[in-house]
């Protein structure tokens, strides 16, 4: 290849990079608006927008609140299910005070355990390895009510309304 074409090729690569970045930005925006409207994100070939890009958290957003309250508040702000990693990062960014027995290197594990154990508040979405709120899944709420939770069953037994 002769040297006379190298500057033109370099310029075209620059233009291509700028155009690719613009396409990625447009896809991210479409994903963000889709998520905000409760739909799934159509483009999975772009990195998700950072939490701070979608949700503005105050440094003290979760300060003084319980784990469940903080996680529910974050999920409502996000408007869709989130992975344990996303929830942990949001809690950290929002000033949540983790229990003293939650060692830093075990926080992710403890977050996932707490979300999983609190099935009256959180729904595990197996297909995306994420946790959502029951209110996000009205059909699942009906299923939950049909089967009844262990707390509801205990309350019915205590009131003499045992279904079983």
N, C-alpha and C. Protein backbone atom coordinates (compact mmCIF):
# COMPACT_ATOMS: atom_id res chain seq x y z
N UNK A 1 0.86 -1.17 0.00
CA UNK A 1 0.00 0.00 0.00
C UNK A 1 0.91 1.23 0.00
N UNK A 2 0.52 2.21 -0.79
CA UNK A 2 1.31 3.42 -0.85
C UNK A 2 0.94 4.34 0.31
N UNK A 3 1.87 5.18 0.67
CA UNK A 3 1.68 6.08 1.81
C UNK A 3 0.64 7.16 1.57
N UNK A 4 0.30 7.42 0.33
CA UNK A 4 -0.64 8.51 0.04
C UNK A 4 -2.06 8.22 0.55
N UNK A 5 -2.43 6.95 0.74
CA UNK A 5 -3.77 6.61 1.21
C UNK A 5 -3.89 6.50 2.73
N UNK A 6 -2.76 6.41 3.43
CA UNK A 6 -2.78 6.22 4.88
C UNK A 6 -3.52 7.32 5.64
N UNK A 7 -3.32 8.60 5.32
CA UNK A 7 -4.07 9.64 6.04
C UNK A 7 -5.59 9.53 5.81
N UNK A 8 -5.98 9.19 4.59
CA UNK A 8 -7.41 9.06 4.30
C UNK A 8 -8.00 7.88 5.08
N UNK A 9 -7.27 6.79 5.13
CA UNK A 9 -7.74 5.62 5.87
C UNK A 9 -7.84 5.93 7.36
N UNK A 10 -6.83 6.61 7.89
CA UNK A 10 -6.84 6.98 9.31
C UNK A 10 -8.05 7.86 9.63
N UNK A 11 -8.35 8.81 8.74
CA UNK A 11 -9.50 9.70 8.94
C UNK A 11 -10.80 8.91 8.89
N UNK A 12 -10.91 7.96 7.99
CA UNK A 12 -12.11 7.14 7.89
C UNK A 12 -12.29 6.28 9.14
N UNK A 13 -11.18 5.78 9.69
CA UNK A 13 -11.28 5.03 10.95
C UNK A 13 -11.80 5.92 12.07
N UNK A 14 -11.34 7.16 12.12
CA UNK A 14 -11.85 8.11 13.13
C UNK A 14 -13.35 8.33 12.96
N UNK A 15 -13.77 8.55 11.72
CA UNK A 15 -15.19 8.76 11.43
C UNK A 15 -16.01 7.53 11.83
N UNK A 16 -15.48 6.35 11.52
CA UNK A 16 -16.16 5.11 11.86
C UNK A 16 -16.30 4.96 13.37
N UNK A 17 -15.25 5.29 14.11
CA UNK A 17 -15.29 5.20 15.57
C UNK A 17 -16.33 6.15 16.15
N UNK A 18 -16.39 7.37 15.62
CA UNK A 18 -17.38 8.34 16.09
C UNK A 18 -18.80 7.87 15.77
N UNK A 19 -19.00 7.34 14.58
CA UNK A 19 -20.32 6.85 14.19
C UNK A 19 -20.73 5.66 15.06
N UNK A 20 -19.79 4.76 15.34
CA UNK A 20 -20.08 3.60 16.19
C UNK A 20 -20.45 4.04 17.60
N UNK A 21 -19.74 5.04 18.11
CA UNK A 21 -20.04 5.55 19.45
C UNK A 21 -21.44 6.18 19.48
N UNK A 22 -21.80 6.87 18.43
CA UNK A 22 -23.13 7.49 18.37
C UNK A 22 -24.22 6.40 18.32
N UNK A 23 -24.01 5.36 17.54
CA UNK A 23 -24.96 4.25 17.47
C UNK A 23 -25.11 3.61 18.85
N UNK A 24 -23.98 3.39 19.53
CA UNK A 24 -24.03 2.79 20.87
C UNK A 24 -24.80 3.68 21.84
N UNK A 25 -24.59 5.00 21.76
CA UNK A 25 -25.31 5.93 22.62
C UNK A 25 -26.81 5.89 22.36
N UNK A 26 -27.19 5.80 21.10
CA UNK A 26 -28.61 5.74 20.75
C UNK A 26 -29.21 4.44 21.29
N UNK A 27 -28.50 3.32 21.14
CA UNK A 27 -28.98 2.04 21.65
C UNK A 27 -29.14 2.08 23.17
N UNK A 28 -28.17 2.69 23.86
CA UNK A 28 -28.25 2.80 25.32
C UNK A 28 -29.48 3.62 25.72
N UNK A 29 -29.74 4.70 24.98
CA UNK A 29 -30.89 5.54 25.29
C UNK A 29 -32.19 4.78 25.07
N UNK A 30 -32.26 4.03 23.98
CA UNK A 30 -33.45 3.21 23.73
C UNK A 30 -33.63 2.19 24.85
N UNK A 31 -32.53 1.54 25.25
CA UNK A 31 -32.60 0.57 26.36
C UNK A 31 -33.09 1.23 27.63
N UNK A 32 -32.56 2.41 27.94
CA UNK A 32 -32.93 3.10 29.17
C UNK A 32 -34.42 3.47 29.15
N UNK A 33 -34.88 4.02 28.03
CA UNK A 33 -36.29 4.41 27.94
C UNK A 33 -37.21 3.18 27.97
N UNK A 34 -36.77 2.11 27.36
CA UNK A 34 -37.56 0.86 27.40
C UNK A 34 -37.68 0.36 28.83
N UNK A 35 -36.54 0.37 29.56
CA UNK A 35 -36.55 -0.08 30.95
C UNK A 35 -37.45 0.80 31.80
N UNK A 36 -37.39 2.11 31.59
CA UNK A 36 -38.23 3.02 32.36
C UNK A 36 -39.71 2.82 32.08
N UNK A 37 -40.04 2.34 30.88
CA UNK A 37 -41.45 2.10 30.54
C UNK A 37 -41.88 0.69 30.89
N UNK A 38 -40.99 -0.07 31.54
CA UNK A 38 -41.35 -1.41 32.00
C UNK A 38 -41.14 -2.50 30.98
N UNK A 39 -40.53 -2.19 29.86
CA UNK A 39 -40.27 -3.18 28.82
C UNK A 39 -38.84 -3.69 28.95
N UNK A 40 -38.56 -4.82 28.30
CA UNK A 40 -37.19 -5.33 28.32
C UNK A 40 -36.32 -4.50 27.38
N UNK A 41 -35.04 -4.47 27.68
CA UNK A 41 -34.10 -3.71 26.87
C UNK A 41 -33.83 -4.46 25.57
N UNK A 42 -34.10 -3.85 24.41
CA UNK A 42 -33.98 -4.57 23.14
C UNK A 42 -32.54 -4.82 22.67
N UNK A 43 -31.59 -4.02 23.11
CA UNK A 43 -30.21 -4.16 22.63
C UNK A 43 -29.32 -4.72 23.73
N UNK A 44 -28.85 -5.93 23.53
CA UNK A 44 -27.95 -6.52 24.52
C UNK A 44 -26.49 -6.49 24.05
N UNK A 45 -26.22 -5.78 22.94
CA UNK A 45 -24.86 -5.69 22.43
C UNK A 45 -24.16 -4.41 22.88
N UNK A 46 -24.77 -3.67 23.82
CA UNK A 46 -24.13 -2.48 24.38
C UNK A 46 -24.09 -2.64 25.89
N UNK A 47 -23.10 -2.02 26.50
CA UNK A 47 -23.00 -2.07 27.96
C UNK A 47 -24.16 -1.31 28.57
N UNK A 48 -24.72 -1.86 29.65
CA UNK A 48 -25.80 -1.12 30.29
C UNK A 48 -25.29 0.20 30.84
N UNK A 49 -26.18 1.17 30.89
CA UNK A 49 -25.82 2.47 31.44
C UNK A 49 -25.54 2.31 32.92
N UNK A 50 -24.54 2.99 33.41
CA UNK A 50 -24.19 2.91 34.83
C UNK A 50 -25.36 3.36 35.67
N UNK A 51 -25.42 2.86 36.89
CA UNK A 51 -26.51 3.21 37.80
C UNK A 51 -26.66 4.72 37.90
N UNK A 52 -25.53 5.41 38.01
CA UNK A 52 -25.61 6.85 38.15
C UNK A 52 -26.18 7.50 36.89
N UNK A 53 -26.08 6.81 35.74
CA UNK A 53 -26.64 7.34 34.52
C UNK A 53 -28.15 7.18 34.47
N UNK A 54 -28.69 6.19 35.13
CA UNK A 54 -30.12 5.93 35.10
C UNK A 54 -30.81 6.50 36.33
N UNK A 55 -30.17 6.33 37.48
CA UNK A 55 -30.79 6.69 38.73
C UNK A 55 -29.83 7.58 39.51
N UNK A 56 -30.35 8.68 39.97
CA UNK A 56 -29.53 9.58 40.75
C UNK A 56 -29.73 9.26 42.23
N UNK A 57 -28.68 8.73 42.85
CA UNK A 57 -28.74 8.38 44.27
C UNK A 57 -28.03 9.45 45.09
N UNK A 58 -28.68 9.86 46.16
CA UNK A 58 -28.01 10.75 47.09
C UNK A 58 -27.00 9.93 47.89
N UNK A 59 -25.96 10.56 48.40
CA UNK A 59 -24.94 9.86 49.18
C UNK A 59 -25.53 9.30 50.48
N UNK A 60 -26.66 9.84 50.93
CA UNK A 60 -27.30 9.36 52.15
C UNK A 60 -28.68 8.74 51.88
N UNK A 61 -28.93 8.34 50.66
CA UNK A 61 -30.23 7.82 50.25
C UNK A 61 -30.74 6.70 51.16
N UNK A 62 -29.85 5.78 51.56
CA UNK A 62 -30.26 4.61 52.33
C UNK A 62 -29.73 4.64 53.77
N UNK A 63 -29.14 5.76 54.15
CA UNK A 63 -28.57 5.90 55.50
C UNK A 63 -29.67 5.77 56.54
N UNK A 64 -29.43 4.89 57.53
CA UNK A 64 -30.37 4.71 58.63
C UNK A 64 -31.58 3.84 58.31
N UNK A 65 -31.62 3.27 57.12
CA UNK A 65 -32.75 2.42 56.74
C UNK A 65 -32.36 0.95 56.82
N UNK A 66 -33.35 0.10 56.91
CA UNK A 66 -33.09 -1.35 56.95
C UNK A 66 -32.68 -1.85 55.57
N UNK A 67 -32.11 -3.04 55.55
CA UNK A 67 -31.68 -3.63 54.29
C UNK A 67 -32.86 -3.78 53.34
N UNK A 68 -33.95 -4.39 53.82
CA UNK A 68 -35.11 -4.65 52.96
C UNK A 68 -35.71 -3.35 52.44
N UNK A 69 -35.84 -2.36 53.30
CA UNK A 69 -36.40 -1.07 52.87
C UNK A 69 -35.52 -0.41 51.81
N UNK A 70 -34.23 -0.47 52.02
CA UNK A 70 -33.29 0.13 51.07
C UNK A 70 -33.32 -0.59 49.73
N UNK A 71 -33.31 -1.91 49.76
CA UNK A 71 -33.33 -2.69 48.52
C UNK A 71 -34.64 -2.46 47.77
N UNK A 72 -35.77 -2.43 48.49
CA UNK A 72 -37.06 -2.18 47.84
C UNK A 72 -37.10 -0.79 47.22
N UNK A 73 -36.58 0.19 47.93
CA UNK A 73 -36.57 1.57 47.42
C UNK A 73 -35.75 1.64 46.13
N UNK A 74 -34.59 1.00 46.14
CA UNK A 74 -33.75 1.00 44.94
C UNK A 74 -34.46 0.32 43.77
N UNK A 75 -35.07 -0.83 44.01
CA UNK A 75 -35.75 -1.55 42.93
C UNK A 75 -36.92 -0.74 42.39
N UNK A 76 -37.63 -0.04 43.25
CA UNK A 76 -38.73 0.82 42.78
C UNK A 76 -38.19 1.97 41.93
N UNK A 77 -37.05 2.53 42.35
CA UNK A 77 -36.43 3.60 41.57
C UNK A 77 -36.01 3.08 40.19
N UNK A 78 -35.46 1.88 40.18
CA UNK A 78 -34.98 1.27 38.93
C UNK A 78 -36.16 0.83 38.07
N UNK A 79 -37.22 0.36 38.69
CA UNK A 79 -38.42 -0.03 37.96
C UNK A 79 -38.36 -1.41 37.34
N UNK A 80 -37.36 -2.19 37.71
CA UNK A 80 -37.24 -3.56 37.19
C UNK A 80 -36.30 -4.33 38.09
N UNK A 81 -36.22 -5.63 37.84
CA UNK A 81 -35.36 -6.50 38.64
C UNK A 81 -33.88 -6.09 38.46
N UNK A 82 -33.08 -6.42 39.47
CA UNK A 82 -31.65 -6.13 39.43
C UNK A 82 -30.90 -7.30 40.05
N UNK A 83 -29.67 -7.47 39.63
CA UNK A 83 -28.85 -8.53 40.21
C UNK A 83 -28.41 -8.13 41.61
N UNK A 84 -27.97 -9.11 42.37
CA UNK A 84 -27.47 -8.82 43.72
C UNK A 84 -26.30 -7.84 43.65
N UNK A 85 -25.47 -7.97 42.61
CA UNK A 85 -24.34 -7.05 42.43
C UNK A 85 -24.81 -5.62 42.26
N UNK A 86 -25.84 -5.42 41.42
CA UNK A 86 -26.37 -4.07 41.20
C UNK A 86 -26.97 -3.50 42.48
N UNK A 87 -27.70 -4.31 43.20
CA UNK A 87 -28.32 -3.85 44.45
C UNK A 87 -27.25 -3.49 45.47
N UNK A 88 -26.24 -4.34 45.60
CA UNK A 88 -25.14 -4.05 46.52
C UNK A 88 -24.46 -2.73 46.17
N UNK A 89 -24.15 -2.53 44.91
CA UNK A 89 -23.48 -1.29 44.47
C UNK A 89 -24.35 -0.07 44.78
N UNK A 90 -25.65 -0.18 44.52
CA UNK A 90 -26.55 0.94 44.79
C UNK A 90 -26.59 1.24 46.29
N UNK A 91 -26.65 0.19 47.12
CA UNK A 91 -26.69 0.41 48.57
C UNK A 91 -25.39 1.07 49.04
N UNK A 92 -24.27 0.61 48.52
CA UNK A 92 -22.99 1.23 48.88
C UNK A 92 -22.96 2.69 48.46
N UNK A 93 -23.38 2.97 47.21
CA UNK A 93 -23.39 4.34 46.70
C UNK A 93 -24.36 5.23 47.46
N UNK A 94 -25.43 4.62 48.00
CA UNK A 94 -26.46 5.38 48.70
C UNK A 94 -26.26 5.48 50.20
N UNK A 95 -25.07 5.10 50.69
CA UNK A 95 -24.74 5.29 52.10
C UNK A 95 -25.36 4.31 53.06
N UNK A 96 -25.78 3.14 52.58
CA UNK A 96 -26.35 2.14 53.47
C UNK A 96 -25.29 1.70 54.48
N UNK A 97 -25.71 1.60 55.75
CA UNK A 97 -24.81 1.12 56.80
C UNK A 97 -24.99 -0.39 56.94
N UNK A 98 -24.03 -1.13 56.42
CA UNK A 98 -24.11 -2.58 56.49
C UNK A 98 -23.90 -3.04 57.93
N UNK A 99 -24.56 -4.12 58.32
CA UNK A 99 -24.35 -4.64 59.67
C UNK A 99 -22.86 -4.92 59.90
N UNK A 100 -22.41 -4.72 61.12
CA UNK A 100 -20.98 -4.88 61.42
C UNK A 100 -20.48 -6.30 61.17
N UNK A 101 -21.37 -7.29 61.21
CA UNK A 101 -20.93 -8.66 60.97
C UNK A 101 -20.87 -9.00 59.48
N UNK A 102 -21.22 -8.06 58.60
CA UNK A 102 -21.10 -8.26 57.16
C UNK A 102 -19.72 -7.80 56.72
N UNK A 103 -18.77 -8.72 56.69
CA UNK A 103 -17.42 -8.37 56.25
C UNK A 103 -17.47 -7.91 54.80
N UNK A 104 -16.63 -6.95 54.47
CA UNK A 104 -16.64 -6.35 53.14
C UNK A 104 -16.56 -7.40 52.03
N UNK A 105 -15.70 -8.42 52.21
CA UNK A 105 -15.54 -9.42 51.16
C UNK A 105 -16.72 -10.39 51.07
N UNK A 106 -17.64 -10.34 52.03
CA UNK A 106 -18.81 -11.23 52.01
C UNK A 106 -20.13 -10.48 51.77
N UNK A 107 -20.05 -9.19 51.50
CA UNK A 107 -21.27 -8.40 51.34
C UNK A 107 -22.13 -8.89 50.18
N UNK A 108 -21.52 -9.25 49.07
CA UNK A 108 -22.30 -9.73 47.93
C UNK A 108 -23.04 -11.01 48.30
N UNK A 109 -22.35 -11.91 48.94
CA UNK A 109 -22.97 -13.17 49.36
C UNK A 109 -24.11 -12.89 50.34
N UNK A 110 -23.87 -12.02 51.31
CA UNK A 110 -24.89 -11.69 52.31
C UNK A 110 -26.09 -10.97 51.68
N UNK A 111 -25.82 -10.14 50.67
CA UNK A 111 -26.90 -9.46 49.96
C UNK A 111 -27.80 -10.48 49.27
N UNK A 112 -27.18 -11.41 48.54
CA UNK A 112 -27.95 -12.44 47.83
C UNK A 112 -28.74 -13.32 48.80
N UNK A 113 -28.12 -13.67 49.91
CA UNK A 113 -28.81 -14.50 50.93
C UNK A 113 -30.00 -13.73 51.50
N UNK A 114 -29.80 -12.47 51.84
CA UNK A 114 -30.89 -11.67 52.42
C UNK A 114 -32.04 -11.50 51.45
N UNK A 115 -31.73 -11.28 50.18
CA UNK A 115 -32.78 -11.14 49.17
C UNK A 115 -33.54 -12.46 49.00
N UNK A 116 -32.79 -13.56 48.96
CA UNK A 116 -33.40 -14.87 48.79
C UNK A 116 -34.27 -15.29 49.96
N UNK A 117 -33.83 -14.96 51.17
CA UNK A 117 -34.58 -15.34 52.37
C UNK A 117 -35.85 -14.52 52.54
N UNK A 118 -35.85 -13.32 52.00
CA UNK A 118 -36.97 -12.41 52.18
C UNK A 118 -37.95 -12.54 51.01
N UNK A 119 -38.47 -13.75 50.81
CA UNK A 119 -39.31 -14.02 49.64
C UNK A 119 -40.69 -13.38 49.72
N UNK A 120 -41.07 -12.84 50.86
CA UNK A 120 -42.33 -12.10 50.93
C UNK A 120 -42.21 -10.74 50.25
N UNK A 121 -41.00 -10.23 50.15
CA UNK A 121 -40.78 -8.93 49.53
C UNK A 121 -40.14 -9.04 48.15
N UNK A 122 -39.24 -10.01 47.97
CA UNK A 122 -38.46 -10.08 46.75
C UNK A 122 -38.74 -11.37 45.97
N UNK A 123 -38.74 -11.24 44.65
CA UNK A 123 -38.95 -12.37 43.75
C UNK A 123 -37.63 -12.65 43.05
N UNK A 124 -37.22 -13.90 43.06
CA UNK A 124 -36.01 -14.28 42.33
C UNK A 124 -36.42 -14.57 40.89
N UNK A 125 -35.80 -13.85 39.95
CA UNK A 125 -36.06 -14.04 38.52
C UNK A 125 -34.92 -14.89 37.98
N UNK A 126 -35.17 -16.18 37.95
CA UNK A 126 -34.13 -17.15 37.62
C UNK A 126 -33.49 -16.90 36.26
N UNK A 127 -34.28 -16.54 35.25
CA UNK A 127 -33.77 -16.38 33.89
C UNK A 127 -32.71 -15.29 33.79
N UNK A 128 -32.77 -14.29 34.66
CA UNK A 128 -31.78 -13.21 34.60
C UNK A 128 -30.93 -13.13 35.87
N UNK A 129 -31.08 -14.11 36.76
CA UNK A 129 -30.31 -14.14 38.00
C UNK A 129 -30.45 -12.80 38.74
N UNK A 130 -31.69 -12.32 38.82
CA UNK A 130 -31.95 -11.01 39.41
C UNK A 130 -33.10 -11.13 40.41
N UNK A 131 -33.28 -10.04 41.15
CA UNK A 131 -34.34 -9.97 42.15
C UNK A 131 -35.24 -8.79 41.83
N UNK A 132 -36.54 -9.03 41.88
CA UNK A 132 -37.50 -7.97 41.64
C UNK A 132 -38.46 -7.90 42.81
N UNK A 133 -39.45 -7.05 42.69
CA UNK A 133 -40.49 -6.92 43.71
C UNK A 133 -41.75 -7.60 43.19
N UNK A 134 -42.55 -8.12 44.11
CA UNK A 134 -43.78 -8.80 43.72
C UNK A 134 -44.66 -7.89 42.88
N UNK A 135 -44.66 -6.60 43.18
CA UNK A 135 -45.52 -5.67 42.45
C UNK A 135 -45.15 -5.56 40.97
N UNK A 136 -43.93 -5.97 40.61
CA UNK A 136 -43.52 -5.96 39.20
C UNK A 136 -44.16 -7.09 38.41
N UNK A 137 -44.66 -8.10 39.11
CA UNK A 137 -45.15 -9.32 38.45
C UNK A 137 -46.55 -9.65 38.95
N UNK A 138 -47.57 -8.97 38.44
CA UNK A 138 -48.93 -9.18 38.95
C UNK A 138 -49.42 -10.63 38.81
N UNK A 139 -49.04 -11.32 37.75
CA UNK A 139 -49.47 -12.71 37.61
C UNK A 139 -48.82 -13.59 38.65
N UNK A 140 -47.58 -13.30 39.00
CA UNK A 140 -46.89 -14.06 40.04
C UNK A 140 -47.51 -13.78 41.41
N UNK A 141 -48.00 -12.57 41.62
CA UNK A 141 -48.64 -12.24 42.89
C UNK A 141 -49.87 -13.12 43.08
N UNK A 142 -50.62 -13.32 42.00
CA UNK A 142 -51.80 -14.19 42.08
C UNK A 142 -51.38 -15.60 42.45
N UNK A 143 -50.29 -16.06 41.84
CA UNK A 143 -49.77 -17.40 42.13
C UNK A 143 -49.33 -17.49 43.60
N UNK A 144 -48.67 -16.44 44.08
CA UNK A 144 -48.22 -16.40 45.47
C UNK A 144 -49.41 -16.48 46.42
N UNK A 145 -50.46 -15.71 46.12
CA UNK A 145 -51.64 -15.68 46.98
C UNK A 145 -52.38 -17.01 46.93
N UNK A 146 -52.39 -17.65 45.76
CA UNK A 146 -53.09 -18.93 45.61
C UNK A 146 -52.47 -19.99 46.50
N UNK A 147 -51.14 -20.01 46.53
CA UNK A 147 -50.44 -21.01 47.34
C UNK A 147 -50.30 -20.57 48.79
N UNK A 148 -50.29 -19.28 49.00
CA UNK A 148 -50.14 -18.75 50.36
C UNK A 148 -48.72 -18.88 50.86
N UNK A 149 -48.26 -17.89 51.58
CA UNK A 149 -46.93 -17.95 52.17
C UNK A 149 -47.00 -18.68 53.49
N UNK A 150 -45.87 -19.07 54.02
CA UNK A 150 -45.86 -19.78 55.30
C UNK A 150 -46.41 -18.89 56.41
N UNK A 151 -46.16 -17.56 56.34
CA UNK A 151 -46.69 -16.63 57.33
C UNK A 151 -48.22 -16.60 57.27
N UNK A 152 -48.77 -16.56 56.04
CA UNK A 152 -50.21 -16.53 55.89
C UNK A 152 -50.83 -17.82 56.41
N UNK A 153 -50.20 -18.94 56.10
CA UNK A 153 -50.72 -20.23 56.56
C UNK A 153 -50.71 -20.31 58.08
N UNK A 154 -49.63 -19.81 58.72
CA UNK A 154 -49.54 -19.82 60.18
C UNK A 154 -50.63 -18.94 60.78
N UNK A 155 -50.85 -17.77 60.16
CA UNK A 155 -51.88 -16.87 60.65
C UNK A 155 -53.26 -17.51 60.53
N UNK A 156 -53.51 -18.21 59.43
CA UNK A 156 -54.79 -18.88 59.25
C UNK A 156 -54.98 -19.97 60.27
N UNK A 157 -53.91 -20.71 60.58
CA UNK A 157 -53.99 -21.74 61.62
C UNK A 157 -54.33 -21.13 62.97
N UNK A 158 -53.66 -19.99 63.27
CA UNK A 158 -53.89 -19.32 64.55
C UNK A 158 -55.33 -18.82 64.66
N UNK A 159 -55.93 -18.47 63.52
CA UNK A 159 -57.31 -17.96 63.52
C UNK A 159 -58.33 -19.07 63.29
N UNK A 160 -57.86 -20.29 63.21
CA UNK A 160 -58.76 -21.42 62.99
C UNK A 160 -59.28 -21.52 61.57
N UNK A 161 -58.55 -20.91 60.63
CA UNK A 161 -58.96 -20.93 59.22
C UNK A 161 -58.06 -21.81 58.39
N UNK A 162 -57.55 -22.86 58.93
CA UNK A 162 -56.59 -23.71 58.24
C UNK A 162 -57.17 -24.26 56.95
N UNK A 163 -56.47 -24.01 55.82
CA UNK A 163 -56.89 -24.49 54.50
C UNK A 163 -56.56 -25.95 54.31
N UNK A 164 -55.47 -26.40 54.93
CA UNK A 164 -54.96 -27.74 54.66
C UNK A 164 -55.80 -28.83 55.24
